[in-house]
Structure formats: C-alpha cells, structure tokens
Amino acid sequence: FFRDILGETTEPLTLALIVVVTVIVMSVLTVEGGALFVENGLVRGGLAFILIADVIAGTIANFSKGTNDFYAKRSLNRWIFIVVHVHPLVIAWLLRFSLKEAWILWGYVILAAVVVNLCMGKAYQRILAASLTSIGLLLVLVIYKDLPTVMIVMALFFVLKLVFSFCVDHERGIRDDS
C-alpha cells in the first residue's frame, strides 16, 4: 500500500517533510476552520479531515523521487491514480457544501491531469502542466471565493497535487523532442 504513496524507496528526509508540511497545514486549517469538522460529527468531520490531510500529504509526496519513479514505471497505475481522486466531491458532501463548485473543480483537474499525462516525455510537458496548474489555481480562487478557508486550501492543494505534482515526470526529464 505504501509503495503506491511513497514509491519503492523513500528517503527519511522526504518522509519527514511530508509529515511536517501536512501537520503544519492541517494545524492551521484546524485553527482556522476546525468548527467545520466538529459541526459535521465525528464520522463526517473526521473523514473530511483525513481526506484533506491526504490531499496535502500527497501534494508533497508526489514530488518525491520514490513516488515519481514508481509511477513512471507503471502507466496503468498512473491512470488509476488520476481517476480515483474524487476528493473534492467527497469532502464537499461530507462537510455539506454545494457540490456544484466541487464538480467544476474536479472536472477541470481531471481534464488537465489527463492532458498533462498524455504529454509524458514531451519537451513541453512541464510548462503545459505549470500553465494548467496556474489556470486551476485561478479557478479555485474564483469559484471557491465564498467558501471557508478549509475548502479553498484543499482545492488549491488538489490542483497542485494532481496537475503538476503527480502528472509531471520530475525525475526522468525529456525523453524525446516530438
């Protein structure tokens, strides 16, 4: 199970940074909007908290050499990883927010992730991913502007996690010039 998250090998510093960043962000979100988790009960609030922590941790983990190398060798696993990321939809439902914004975000991110993933090994993949990530971050700031900070931060990290952090092969570099 952990190979799908951290790859076959993980440096202790990498693991430490994933934990530290996740704890910092989740601590700020708890202070800023912890009532959201409590108001929705132990099960709904707890599951939302865990899923948001997964988005945060995954954003950092997907930049790691271990995770990058694991998915670079497994094209099918990469596609499965993209498809199973329904976090914004589930979190919005758990915290009782409108699903409209979540569907828009999810649709954009999945489409952008598919486009970037299809460009694996191309010279322009990284700049394409950066461009689509930037548009996605702007989209979050526009469609999530009236939502609590917890939802905005989750959405920002979700865009970064899937479109740039995961779908770009950060270690292999350019494989061809086409």
C-alpha atoms as a PDB file:
ATOM      1  CA  PHE A   1       0.000   0.000   0.000  1.00  0.00           C
ATOM      2  CA  PHE A   2       2.709   2.498   0.933  1.00  0.00           C
ATOM      3  CA  ARG A   3       4.528   1.878  -2.356  1.00  0.00           C
ATOM      4  CA  ASP A   4       1.597   3.487  -4.151  1.00  0.00           C
ATOM      5  CA  ILE A   5       2.075   6.551  -1.957  1.00  0.00           C
ATOM      6  CA  LEU A   6       5.833   6.792  -1.447  1.00  0.00           C
ATOM      7  CA  GLY A   7       7.321   4.526  -4.116  1.00  0.00           C
ATOM      8  CA  GLU A   8       9.682   1.627  -3.574  1.00  0.00           C
ATOM      9  CA  THR A   9      12.246   3.683  -1.681  1.00  0.00           C
ATOM     10  CA  THR A  10      11.770   6.795   0.391  1.00  0.00           C
ATOM     11  CA  GLU A  11      14.416   8.951   1.990  1.00  0.00           C
ATOM     12  CA  PRO A  12      13.867   9.737   5.689  1.00  0.00           C
ATOM     13  CA  LEU A  13      14.067  13.475   4.926  1.00  0.00           C
ATOM     14  CA  THR A  14      11.308  13.097   2.322  1.00  0.00           C
ATOM     15  CA  LEU A  15       9.052  11.322   4.794  1.00  0.00           C
ATOM     16  CA  ALA A  16       9.828  13.914   7.467  1.00  0.00           C
ATOM     17  CA  LEU A  17       8.987  16.802   5.125  1.00  0.00           C
ATOM     18  CA  ILE A  18       5.703  15.191   4.085  1.00  0.00           C
ATOM     19  CA  VAL A  19       4.732  14.789   7.749  1.00  0.00           C
ATOM     20  CA  VAL A  20       5.890  18.267   8.801  1.00  0.00           C
ATOM     21  CA  VAL A  21       4.113  20.087   5.971  1.00  0.00           C
ATOM     22  CA  THR A  22       0.930  18.067   6.485  1.00  0.00           C
ATOM     23  CA  VAL A  23       0.936  18.732  10.239  1.00  0.00           C
ATOM     24  CA  ILE A  24       1.547  22.464   9.731  1.00  0.00           C
ATOM     25  CA  VAL A  25      -1.177  22.876   7.106  1.00  0.00           C
ATOM     26  CA  MET A  26      -3.698  20.729   8.984  1.00  0.00           C
ATOM     27  CA  SER A  27      -2.950  22.596  12.223  1.00  0.00           C
ATOM     28  CA  VAL A  28      -3.635  25.928  10.528  1.00  0.00           C
ATOM     29  CA  LEU A  29      -6.822  24.539   8.975  1.00  0.00           C
ATOM     30  CA  THR A  30      -7.942  23.202  12.344  1.00  0.00           C
ATOM     31  CA  VAL A  31      -7.402  26.587  13.988  1.00  0.00           C
ATOM     32  CA  GLU A  32      -8.950  28.430  11.036  1.00  0.00           C
ATOM     33  CA  GLY A  33     -11.928  26.157  10.440  1.00  0.00           C
ATOM     34  CA  GLY A  34     -11.940  23.342  12.928  1.00  0.00           C
ATOM     35  CA  ALA A  35     -15.572  24.026  13.747  1.00  0.00           C
ATOM     36  CA  LEU A  36     -16.459  22.701  10.285  1.00  0.00           C
ATOM     37  CA  PHE A  37     -15.109  19.288  11.217  1.00  0.00           C
ATOM     38  CA  VAL A  38     -16.826  19.293  14.622  1.00  0.00           C
ATOM     39  CA  GLU A  39     -20.191  20.553  13.290  1.00  0.00           C
ATOM     40  CA  ASN A  40     -20.368  17.640  10.885  1.00  0.00           C
ATOM     41  CA  GLY A  41     -19.838  14.996  13.541  1.00  0.00           C
ATOM     42  CA  LEU A  42     -17.109  12.513  14.254  1.00  0.00           C
ATOM     43  CA  VAL A  43     -17.632  10.377  11.166  1.00  0.00           C
ATOM     44  CA  ARG A  44     -18.266  13.035   8.518  1.00  0.00           C
ATOM     45  CA  GLY A  45     -15.903  15.611  10.025  1.00  0.00           C
ATOM     46  CA  GLY A  46     -13.240  13.000  10.748  1.00  0.00           C
ATOM     47  CA  LEU A  47     -13.360  11.559   7.243  1.00  0.00           C
ATOM     48  CA  ALA A  48     -13.189  15.049   5.712  1.00  0.00           C
ATOM     49  CA  PHE A  49     -10.187  15.846   7.911  1.00  0.00           C
ATOM     50  CA  ILE A  50      -8.414  12.634   6.805  1.00  0.00           C
ATOM     51  CA  LEU A  51      -9.161  13.246   3.124  1.00  0.00           C
ATOM     52  CA  ILE A  52      -7.889  16.826   3.293  1.00  0.00           C
ATOM     53  CA  ALA A  53      -4.737  15.606   5.051  1.00  0.00           C
ATOM     54  CA  ASP A  54      -4.335  13.052   2.234  1.00  0.00           C
ATOM     55  CA  VAL A  55      -4.524  15.841  -0.362  1.00  0.00           C
ATOM     56  CA  ILE A  56      -1.877  17.860   1.496  1.00  0.00           C
ATOM     57  CA  ALA A  57       0.475  14.922   2.114  1.00  0.00           C
ATOM     58  CA  GLY A  58       0.012  13.656  -1.429  1.00  0.00           C
ATOM     59  CA  THR A  59       0.928  17.009  -2.912  1.00  0.00           C
ATOM     60  CA  ILE A  60       4.354  16.802  -1.273  1.00  0.00           C
ATOM     61  CA  ALA A  61       4.794  13.034  -1.722  1.00  0.00           C
ATOM     62  CA  ASN A  62       4.122  13.246  -5.450  1.00  0.00           C
ATOM     63  CA  PHE A  63       7.192  15.451  -5.873  1.00  0.00           C
ATOM     64  CA  SER A  64       9.404  12.777  -4.272  1.00  0.00           C
ATOM     65  CA  LYS A  65      11.797  10.657  -6.283  1.00  0.00           C
ATOM     66  CA  GLY A  66      10.324   7.438  -4.911  1.00  0.00           C
ATOM     67  CA  THR A  67       6.744   8.254  -5.894  1.00  0.00           C
ATOM     68  CA  ASN A  68       7.804   9.734  -9.224  1.00  0.00           C
ATOM     69  CA  ASP A  69       9.880   6.677 -10.146  1.00  0.00           C
ATOM     70  CA  PHE A  70       7.161   4.245  -9.022  1.00  0.00           C
ATOM     71  CA  TYR A  71       4.551   5.766 -11.330  1.00  0.00           C
ATOM     72  CA  ALA A  72       6.998   6.436 -14.176  1.00  0.00           C
ATOM     73  CA  LYS A  73       7.343   2.646 -14.493  1.00  0.00           C
ATOM     74  CA  ARG A  74       3.599   1.940 -14.167  1.00  0.00           C
ATOM     75  CA  SER A  75       1.450   3.723 -16.739  1.00  0.00           C
ATOM     76  CA  LEU A  76      -1.758   1.899 -15.766  1.00  0.00           C
ATOM     77  CA  ASN A  77      -1.269   2.733 -12.081  1.00  0.00           C
ATOM     78  CA  ARG A  78      -0.799   6.385 -13.075  1.00  0.00           C
ATOM     79  CA  TRP A  79      -4.167   6.427 -14.870  1.00  0.00           C
ATOM     80  CA  ILE A  80      -5.876   4.673 -11.948  1.00  0.00           C
ATOM     81  CA  PHE A  81      -4.372   7.219  -9.531  1.00  0.00           C
ATOM     82  CA  ILE A  82      -5.856  10.076 -11.559  1.00  0.00           C
ATOM     83  CA  VAL A  83      -9.306   8.502 -11.846  1.00  0.00           C
ATOM     84  CA  VAL A  84      -9.711   7.632  -8.145  1.00  0.00           C
ATOM     85  CA  HIS A  85      -9.090  11.194  -6.981  1.00  0.00           C
ATOM     86  CA  VAL A  86     -12.638  12.300  -6.193  1.00  0.00           C
ATOM     87  CA  HIS A  87     -11.591  14.110  -3.017  1.00  0.00           C
ATOM     88  CA  PRO A  88     -13.285  17.487  -3.674  1.00  0.00           C
ATOM     89  CA  LEU A  89     -16.615  15.770  -4.331  1.00  0.00           C
ATOM     90  CA  VAL A  90     -16.467  13.607  -1.221  1.00  0.00           C
ATOM     91  CA  ILE A  91     -15.176  16.412   1.021  1.00  0.00           C
ATOM     92  CA  ALA A  92     -17.888  18.814  -0.164  1.00  0.00           C
ATOM     93  CA  TRP A  93     -20.515  16.153   0.524  1.00  0.00           C
ATOM     94  CA  LEU A  94     -19.055  15.288   3.944  1.00  0.00           C
ATOM     95  CA  LEU A  95     -18.918  18.932   5.021  1.00  0.00           C
ATOM     96  CA  ARG A  96     -22.356  19.665   3.497  1.00  0.00           C
ATOM     97  CA  PHE A  97     -21.277  22.194   0.872  1.00  0.00           C
ATOM     98  CA  SER A  98     -22.780  22.627  -2.573  1.00  0.00           C
ATOM     99  CA  LEU A  99     -21.421  20.020  -4.946  1.00  0.00           C
ATOM    100  CA  LYS A 100     -21.553  22.459  -7.886  1.00  0.00           C
ATOM    101  CA  GLU A 101     -18.147  24.008  -7.145  1.00  0.00           C
ATOM    102  CA  ALA A 102     -16.668  20.602  -6.369  1.00  0.00           C
ATOM    103  CA  TRP A 103     -17.831  19.175  -9.708  1.00  0.00           C
ATOM    104  CA  ILE A 104     -16.376  22.144 -11.601  1.00  0.00           C
ATOM    105  CA  LEU A 105     -13.047  21.820  -9.781  1.00  0.00           C
ATOM    106  CA  TRP A 106     -12.917  18.051 -10.136  1.00  0.00           C
ATOM    107  CA  GLY A 107     -13.803  18.180 -13.843  1.00  0.00           C
ATOM    108  CA  TYR A 108     -11.146  20.773 -14.586  1.00  0.00           C
ATOM    109  CA  VAL A 109      -8.438  18.971 -12.600  1.00  0.00           C
ATOM    110  CA  ILE A 110      -9.152  15.557 -14.128  1.00  0.00           C
ATOM    111  CA  LEU A 111      -9.187  17.021 -17.649  1.00  0.00           C
ATOM    112  CA  ALA A 112      -5.938  18.933 -17.027  1.00  0.00           C
ATOM    113  CA  ALA A 113      -4.316  15.854 -15.448  1.00  0.00           C
ATOM    114  CA  VAL A 114      -5.288  13.709 -18.444  1.00  0.00           C
ATOM    115  CA  VAL A 115      -3.855  16.265 -20.888  1.00  0.00           C
ATOM    116  CA  VAL A 116      -0.583  16.570 -18.935  1.00  0.00           C
ATOM    117  CA  ASN A 117      -0.291  12.805 -18.513  1.00  0.00           C
ATOM    118  CA  LEU A 118      -0.786  12.273 -22.250  1.00  0.00           C
ATOM    119  CA  CYS A 119       2.231  14.552 -22.820  1.00  0.00           C
ATOM    120  CA  MET A 120       4.586  12.389 -20.755  1.00  0.00           C
ATOM    121  CA  GLY A 121       8.140  12.712 -22.066  1.00  0.00           C
ATOM    122  CA  LYS A 122       7.390  15.697 -24.271  1.00  0.00           C
ATOM    123  CA  ALA A 123       9.606  18.775 -24.091  1.00  0.00           C
ATOM    124  CA  TYR A 124       6.621  20.977 -23.260  1.00  0.00           C
ATOM    125  CA  GLN A 125       5.046  18.801 -20.536  1.00  0.00           C
ATOM    126  CA  ARG A 126       6.355  20.810 -17.595  1.00  0.00           C
ATOM    127  CA  ILE A 127       5.366  24.217 -19.000  1.00  0.00           C
ATOM    128  CA  LEU A 128       1.963  22.859 -20.044  1.00  0.00           C
ATOM    129  CA  ALA A 129       1.443  21.491 -16.525  1.00  0.00           C
ATOM    130  CA  ALA A 130       2.528  24.796 -14.977  1.00  0.00           C
ATOM    131  CA  SER A 131       0.105  26.668 -17.248  1.00  0.00           C
ATOM    132  CA  LEU A 132      -2.839  24.366 -16.493  1.00  0.00           C
ATOM    133  CA  THR A 133      -1.993  24.443 -12.781  1.00  0.00           C
ATOM    134  CA  SER A 134      -1.985  28.248 -12.831  1.00  0.00           C
ATOM    135  CA  ILE A 135      -5.379  28.337 -14.521  1.00  0.00           C
ATOM    136  CA  GLY A 136      -6.646  25.789 -11.991  1.00  0.00           C
ATOM    137  CA  LEU A 137      -5.422  27.874  -9.055  1.00  0.00           C
ATOM    138  CA  LEU A 138      -7.195  30.906 -10.503  1.00  0.00           C
ATOM    139  CA  LEU A 139     -10.341  28.824 -10.989  1.00  0.00           C
ATOM    140  CA  VAL A 140     -10.244  27.858  -7.298  1.00  0.00           C
ATOM    141  CA  LEU A 141      -9.909  31.472  -6.215  1.00  0.00           C
ATOM    142  CA  VAL A 142     -12.911  32.425  -8.355  1.00  0.00           C
ATOM    143  CA  ILE A 143     -15.338  29.558  -7.698  1.00  0.00           C
ATOM    144  CA  TYR A 144     -14.371  28.865  -4.051  1.00  0.00           C
ATOM    145  CA  LYS A 145     -14.095  32.534  -3.003  1.00  0.00           C
ATOM    146  CA  ASP A 146     -17.217  32.410  -0.829  1.00  0.00           C
ATOM    147  CA  LEU A 147     -16.327  29.122   0.844  1.00  0.00           C
ATOM    148  CA  PRO A 148     -14.401  28.661   4.103  1.00  0.00           C
ATOM    149  CA  THR A 149     -10.593  28.677   4.094  1.00  0.00           C
ATOM    150  CA  VAL A 150     -10.560  24.915   4.674  1.00  0.00           C
ATOM    151  CA  MET A 151     -12.238  24.325   1.321  1.00  0.00           C
ATOM    152  CA  ILE A 152     -10.110  26.885  -0.521  1.00  0.00           C
ATOM    153  CA  VAL A 153      -6.843  25.421   0.782  1.00  0.00           C
ATOM    154  CA  MET A 154      -7.966  21.861  -0.002  1.00  0.00           C
ATOM    155  CA  ALA A 155      -8.888  22.915  -3.542  1.00  0.00           C
ATOM    156  CA  LEU A 156      -5.604  24.764  -4.128  1.00  0.00           C
ATOM    157  CA  PHE A 157      -3.588  21.765  -2.982  1.00  0.00           C
ATOM    158  CA  PHE A 158      -5.778  19.397  -5.032  1.00  0.00           C
ATOM    159  CA  VAL A 159      -4.985  21.295  -8.234  1.00  0.00           C
ATOM    160  CA  LEU A 160      -1.265  21.319  -7.470  1.00  0.00           C
ATOM    161  CA  LYS A 161      -1.284  17.673  -6.370  1.00  0.00           C
ATOM    162  CA  LEU A 162      -2.786  16.172  -9.491  1.00  0.00           C
ATOM    163  CA  VAL A 163      -1.880  18.506 -12.339  1.00  0.00           C
ATOM    164  CA  PHE A 164       1.721  19.407 -11.527  1.00  0.00           C
ATOM    165  CA  SER A 165       2.967  17.319  -8.631  1.00  0.00           C
ATOM    166  CA  PHE A 166       1.711  13.956  -9.922  1.00  0.00           C
ATOM    167  CA  CYS A 167       1.345  14.197 -13.696  1.00  0.00           C
ATOM    168  CA  VAL A 168       4.793  15.624 -14.417  1.00  0.00           C
ATOM    169  CA  ASP A 169       7.689  13.175 -14.524  1.00  0.00           C
ATOM    170  CA  HIS A 170      10.063  15.271 -12.391  1.00  0.00           C
ATOM    171  CA  GLU A 171      12.970  12.809 -12.490  1.00  0.00           C
ATOM    172  CA  ARG A 172      13.164  11.388 -15.975  1.00  0.00           C
ATOM    173  CA  GLY A 173      13.133  14.645 -17.852  1.00  0.00           C
ATOM    174  CA  ILE A 174      12.562  14.867 -21.557  1.00  0.00           C
ATOM    175  CA  ARG A 175      12.573  11.558 -23.436  1.00  0.00           C
ATOM    176  CA  ASP A 176      12.047  12.878 -26.938  1.00  0.00           C
ATOM    177  CA  ASP A 177      11.643  16.125 -28.834  1.00  0.00           C
ATOM    178  CA  SER A 178       8.297  15.426 -30.529  1.00  0.00           C
END
